[in-house]
Amino acid sequence: MIKHSQLKQISWVIFFSAFVIVILVGIGFLITTNVLFLGFSDFLYYLQKSRTWINIATTIWTASIATVLSMFIGIPVGYMLARYTFPCQKFMDTLIDLPVMVPPAAVGIFLLGLFKTFPVNSLTSILGIKVDHTLSGVIVAQFTVTVSFCIRLTMASFETISPRYEYVGRSLGASLPYTFFKISLPLAKNSLIVALIIVWARACAEWESLMLFVGGIQGRTDVMPFAVYLDFVGGKLGWALTTSMFCVLIAIVSMYAVHRIGGKAHVR
């Protein structure tokens, strides 16, 4: 016979499970209805078009470059924020978090102003770098929006590692670079991989800053989220839905990988 306390616990679990079921059913219904609306034959039609695969490839490689750049900056900055205290740290934290809190469209406007004024415009002119209506601009926008996410995620990655491992290494005569590369990075490896995946997925999803900073040209700067917008505005709903499904697929695969790897990412 079930005790009263056990019955209350079961009821409580059922109550919260109902919310989970509602969310899962809602997401499943949202995806299924759009698949049915597009139709499997139409999906196969758009799938056979080279433009679909060009958009996917463009999104993947631009997001990959932006992610590498973000990790290159994010790992040392995240490590510094996780391990050291210094003057005006709260102010620095606030500035680092700005791209996270500011709407991406505003980030695009600020980038536009940055690259149109001295000395950045002179420098890009000398180096022959063009950002408007080019994939270089796409990478710059993706990097700017994702680097703050990257710093916060890498900082959290290093915070999961107890500093005592580093102290032991230093007490045995290891240098700071050796301690960082041979102790800290290996211990934070899984967490850093999770950070990389999240940053990459976020870069793949970016488009608002691109719209204002880079500008949309079909076949040149239309990464997948941007292509969805351009196709919708152009009345090409089939293209927009097909590309949206690939965006959802990338998100699902990325988050599955995050949860698979994330379970092994805690070292104390």
Protein backbone atom coordinates (compact mmCIF):
# COMPACT_ATOMS: atom_id res chain seq x y z
CA MET A 1 0.00 0.00 0.00
CA ILE A 2 1.29 3.42 -0.97
CA LYS A 3 1.93 5.69 1.97
CA HIS A 4 0.51 9.19 2.07
CA SER A 5 3.99 10.77 1.81
CA GLN A 6 4.84 8.63 -1.22
CA LEU A 7 1.54 9.57 -2.86
CA LYS A 8 2.31 13.26 -2.35
CA GLN A 9 5.75 12.80 -3.87
CA ILE A 10 4.34 10.96 -6.90
CA SER A 11 1.69 13.65 -7.38
CA TRP A 12 4.36 16.34 -7.20
CA VAL A 13 6.48 14.56 -9.86
CA ILE A 14 3.44 14.13 -12.10
CA PHE A 15 2.59 17.81 -11.71
CA PHE A 16 6.02 18.96 -12.94
CA SER A 17 6.20 16.22 -15.58
CA ALA A 18 3.05 17.65 -17.12
CA PHE A 19 4.90 20.90 -17.89
CA VAL A 20 7.75 18.96 -19.52
CA ILE A 21 5.26 17.00 -21.64
CA VAL A 22 3.52 20.20 -22.73
CA ILE A 23 6.85 21.67 -23.89
CA LEU A 24 7.89 18.51 -25.74
CA VAL A 25 4.50 18.13 -27.41
CA GLY A 26 4.48 21.80 -28.37
CA ILE A 27 7.93 21.61 -29.99
CA GLY A 28 7.05 18.36 -31.76
CA PHE A 29 3.76 19.82 -33.00
CA LEU A 30 5.52 22.97 -34.23
CA ILE A 31 8.06 21.00 -36.27
CA THR A 32 5.56 18.41 -37.56
CA THR A 33 3.02 20.98 -38.78
CA ASN A 34 5.69 22.84 -40.73
CA VAL A 35 6.99 19.61 -42.28
CA LEU A 36 3.44 18.72 -43.34
CA PHE A 37 2.85 22.25 -44.63
CA LEU A 38 5.93 22.10 -46.84
CA GLY A 39 5.39 18.52 -47.96
CA PHE A 40 7.97 15.78 -48.34
CA SER A 41 8.10 16.05 -52.15
CA ASP A 42 8.76 19.80 -52.00
CA PHE A 43 11.43 19.23 -49.36
CA LEU A 44 13.18 16.75 -51.65
CA TYR A 45 12.89 19.25 -54.52
CA TYR A 46 14.66 22.00 -52.60
CA LEU A 47 17.12 19.47 -51.24
CA GLN A 48 18.31 18.71 -54.77
CA LYS A 49 19.07 22.35 -55.51
CA SER A 50 22.71 23.42 -55.26
CA ARG A 51 21.71 26.69 -53.61
CA THR A 52 20.52 24.82 -50.50
CA TRP A 53 23.89 23.14 -50.03
CA ILE A 54 25.81 26.33 -50.82
CA ASN A 55 23.92 28.11 -48.01
CA ILE A 56 24.63 25.25 -45.62
CA ALA A 57 28.34 25.12 -46.53
CA THR A 58 28.67 28.92 -46.25
CA THR A 59 27.04 28.89 -42.83
CA ILE A 60 29.23 26.06 -41.55
CA TRP A 61 32.59 27.46 -42.64
CA THR A 62 31.94 31.09 -41.69
CA ALA A 63 30.63 30.01 -38.27
CA SER A 64 33.64 27.71 -37.86
CA ILE A 65 36.12 30.52 -38.52
CA ALA A 66 34.23 32.88 -36.18
CA THR A 67 34.22 30.15 -33.51
CA VAL A 68 37.97 29.57 -33.80
CA LEU A 69 38.57 33.31 -33.42
CA SER A 70 36.18 33.48 -30.45
CA MET A 71 37.89 30.54 -28.74
CA PHE A 72 41.31 32.06 -29.41
CA ILE A 73 40.21 35.16 -27.48
CA GLY A 74 37.77 33.49 -25.09
CA ILE A 75 40.08 30.86 -23.57
CA PRO A 76 42.78 33.20 -22.21
CA VAL A 77 40.28 35.87 -21.16
CA GLY A 78 37.98 33.29 -19.54
CA TYR A 79 40.93 31.76 -17.71
CA MET A 80 42.05 35.15 -16.44
CA LEU A 81 38.56 36.03 -15.18
CA ALA A 82 38.23 32.62 -13.50
CA ARG A 83 41.60 32.65 -11.75
CA TYR A 84 42.61 36.23 -11.02
CA THR A 85 41.18 39.35 -9.41
CA PHE A 86 42.21 42.80 -10.54
CA PRO A 87 41.05 46.43 -10.29
CA CYS A 88 37.80 47.39 -12.05
CA GLN A 89 36.95 43.73 -12.66
CA LYS A 90 33.19 44.33 -12.38
CA PHE A 91 33.42 47.13 -14.93
CA MET A 92 35.39 44.86 -17.26
CA ASP A 93 32.82 42.09 -16.78
CA THR A 94 30.09 44.54 -17.74
CA LEU A 95 31.87 45.60 -20.94
CA ILE A 96 32.55 41.98 -21.91
CA ASP A 97 28.87 41.08 -21.45
CA LEU A 98 27.59 43.98 -23.57
CA PRO A 99 27.32 42.01 -26.85
CA VAL A 100 25.28 39.41 -24.95
CA MET A 101 22.78 41.93 -23.58
CA VAL A 102 22.65 44.38 -26.48
CA PRO A 103 20.31 43.37 -29.36
CA PRO A 104 22.30 41.90 -32.28
CA ALA A 105 20.84 44.56 -34.58
CA ALA A 106 22.45 47.24 -32.38
CA VAL A 107 25.75 45.33 -32.57
CA GLY A 108 25.46 45.47 -36.36
CA ILE A 109 24.94 49.23 -36.28
CA PHE A 110 27.95 49.75 -34.00
CA LEU A 111 30.11 47.59 -36.28
CA LEU A 112 28.98 49.66 -39.24
CA GLY A 113 30.04 52.84 -37.46
CA LEU A 114 33.34 51.25 -36.40
CA PHE A 115 34.34 50.22 -39.92
CA LYS A 116 33.26 53.53 -41.46
CA THR A 117 35.44 55.74 -39.26
CA PHE A 118 39.16 56.32 -38.73
CA PRO A 119 41.40 54.46 -38.07
CA VAL A 120 39.58 51.19 -38.87
CA ASN A 121 38.40 52.31 -42.32
CA SER A 122 41.94 53.40 -43.23
CA LEU A 123 43.40 50.13 -41.97
CA THR A 124 40.94 47.96 -43.89
CA SER A 125 41.55 50.05 -47.00
CA ILE A 126 45.33 49.57 -46.73
CA LEU A 127 44.95 45.82 -46.13
CA GLY A 128 42.39 45.49 -48.90
CA ILE A 129 39.76 44.07 -46.56
CA LYS A 130 36.14 44.68 -47.48
CA VAL A 131 33.35 43.87 -45.03
CA ASP A 132 30.20 45.19 -46.67
CA HIS A 133 28.42 42.57 -48.80
CA THR A 134 31.25 40.06 -48.25
CA LEU A 135 31.76 36.91 -46.22
CA SER A 136 34.55 38.67 -44.33
CA GLY A 137 31.88 40.93 -42.86
CA VAL A 138 29.76 37.90 -42.02
CA ILE A 139 32.64 36.41 -40.01
CA VAL A 140 33.30 39.72 -38.24
CA ALA A 141 29.64 39.98 -37.21
CA GLN A 142 29.46 36.36 -36.07
CA PHE A 143 32.66 36.77 -34.07
CA THR A 144 31.52 39.99 -32.40
CA VAL A 145 28.21 38.51 -31.30
CA THR A 146 29.65 35.19 -30.09
CA VAL A 147 32.92 36.20 -28.40
CA SER A 148 31.15 37.31 -25.21
CA PHE A 149 29.29 34.00 -25.03
CA CYS A 150 32.62 32.28 -25.52
CA ILE A 151 34.33 34.18 -22.72
CA ARG A 152 31.55 33.41 -20.26
CA LEU A 153 31.46 29.73 -21.21
CA THR A 154 35.23 29.28 -21.03
CA MET A 155 35.28 31.13 -17.71
CA ALA A 156 32.68 28.68 -16.38
CA SER A 157 34.76 25.81 -17.80
CA PHE A 158 37.83 26.82 -15.80
CA GLU A 159 35.74 27.49 -12.69
CA THR A 160 34.71 23.81 -12.68
CA ILE A 161 38.39 22.93 -12.16
CA SER A 162 39.73 23.24 -8.63
CA PRO A 163 42.81 25.53 -8.50
CA ARG A 164 44.54 23.03 -6.23
CA TYR A 165 45.65 21.00 -9.26
CA GLU A 166 47.46 24.08 -10.56
CA TYR A 167 48.90 24.83 -7.12
CA VAL A 168 50.31 21.31 -6.91
CA GLY A 169 51.87 21.66 -10.35
CA ARG A 170 53.40 25.01 -9.47
CA SER A 171 54.72 23.63 -6.15
CA LEU A 172 56.51 20.89 -8.10
CA GLY A 173 58.31 23.47 -10.21
CA ALA A 174 56.04 23.69 -13.25
CA SER A 175 56.03 27.05 -15.03
CA LEU A 176 52.83 29.01 -15.55
CA PRO A 177 52.64 28.16 -19.30
CA TYR A 178 53.28 24.48 -18.57
CA THR A 179 50.62 24.48 -15.84
CA PHE A 180 48.11 26.10 -18.19
CA PHE A 181 48.72 23.87 -21.21
CA LYS A 182 49.42 20.59 -19.43
CA ILE A 183 47.08 20.81 -16.43
CA SER A 184 44.35 23.43 -16.79
CA LEU A 185 43.45 22.88 -20.45
CA PRO A 186 43.33 19.05 -20.29
CA LEU A 187 41.17 19.13 -17.15
CA ALA A 188 38.77 21.63 -18.74
CA LYS A 189 38.78 19.84 -22.11
CA ASN A 190 35.21 18.54 -22.11
CA SER A 191 33.79 21.82 -20.83
CA LEU A 192 35.74 23.73 -23.48
CA ILE A 193 34.43 21.40 -26.20
CA VAL A 194 30.91 22.11 -24.95
CA ALA A 195 31.67 25.84 -25.08
CA LEU A 196 32.99 25.49 -28.63
CA ILE A 197 29.82 23.69 -29.79
CA ILE A 198 27.52 26.28 -28.21
CA VAL A 199 29.50 29.18 -29.67
CA TRP A 200 29.50 27.53 -33.11
CA ALA A 201 25.74 26.92 -33.00
CA ARG A 202 25.18 30.54 -31.93
CA ALA A 203 27.35 31.76 -34.82
CA CYS A 204 25.32 29.61 -37.23
CA ALA A 205 22.14 31.27 -35.93
CA GLU A 206 23.30 34.88 -36.26
CA TRP A 207 21.65 37.13 -38.84
CA GLU A 208 20.32 40.37 -37.31
CA SER A 209 23.72 42.03 -37.08
CA LEU A 210 24.51 40.78 -40.60
CA MET A 211 21.42 42.48 -42.00
CA LEU A 212 22.58 45.92 -40.85
CA PHE A 213 26.36 45.54 -40.98
CA VAL A 214 26.95 43.36 -44.05
CA GLY A 215 23.78 43.57 -46.10
CA GLY A 216 22.06 40.67 -47.80
CA ILE A 217 22.95 39.50 -51.26
CA GLN A 218 21.57 36.15 -52.34
CA GLY A 219 24.35 33.78 -53.26
CA ARG A 220 27.03 35.85 -51.49
CA THR A 221 26.20 36.66 -47.88
CA ASP A 222 23.09 34.59 -47.31
CA VAL A 223 24.05 32.23 -44.53
CA MET A 224 21.09 30.06 -43.54
CA PRO A 225 19.28 32.36 -41.04
CA PHE A 226 19.76 35.30 -43.41
CA ALA A 227 18.54 33.17 -46.34
CA VAL A 228 15.35 32.40 -44.40
CA TYR A 229 14.65 36.11 -44.03
CA LEU A 230 15.51 36.96 -47.64
CA ASP A 231 13.39 34.11 -49.01
CA PHE A 232 10.44 34.98 -46.78
CA VAL A 233 10.55 38.63 -47.83
CA GLY A 234 10.84 37.50 -51.46
CA GLY A 235 7.77 35.28 -51.14
CA LYS A 236 9.74 32.03 -51.46
CA LEU A 237 8.14 30.26 -48.52
CA GLY A 238 9.29 26.80 -49.64
CA TRP A 239 12.93 27.85 -49.62
CA ALA A 240 12.47 29.58 -46.26
CA LEU A 241 10.89 26.52 -44.63
CA THR A 242 13.50 24.13 -46.03
CA THR A 243 16.36 26.28 -44.79
CA SER A 244 14.63 26.69 -41.42
CA MET A 245 14.47 22.92 -41.03
CA PHE A 246 18.22 22.70 -41.54
CA CYS A 247 18.66 25.45 -38.92
CA VAL A 248 16.60 23.36 -36.50
CA LEU A 249 18.61 20.25 -37.40
CA ILE A 250 21.90 22.03 -36.62
CA ALA A 251 20.47 23.20 -33.28
CA ILE A 252 19.27 19.69 -32.38
CA VAL A 253 22.57 18.02 -33.28
CA SER A 254 24.56 20.70 -31.45
CA MET A 255 22.53 20.48 -28.26
CA TYR A 256 22.59 16.68 -28.33
CA ALA A 257 26.38 16.83 -28.55
CA VAL A 258 26.45 19.36 -25.71
CA HIS A 259 24.40 17.10 -23.44
CA ARG A 260 26.42 14.01 -24.38
CA ILE A 261 29.75 15.69 -23.70
CA GLY A 262 28.48 17.93 -20.90
CA GLY A 263 27.82 14.93 -18.68
CA LYS A 264 31.57 14.31 -18.58
CA ALA A 265 32.57 17.93 -18.12
CA HIS A 266 32.73 18.21 -14.34
CA VAL A 267 36.08 17.85 -12.62
CA ARG A 268 36.63 18.90 -9.02
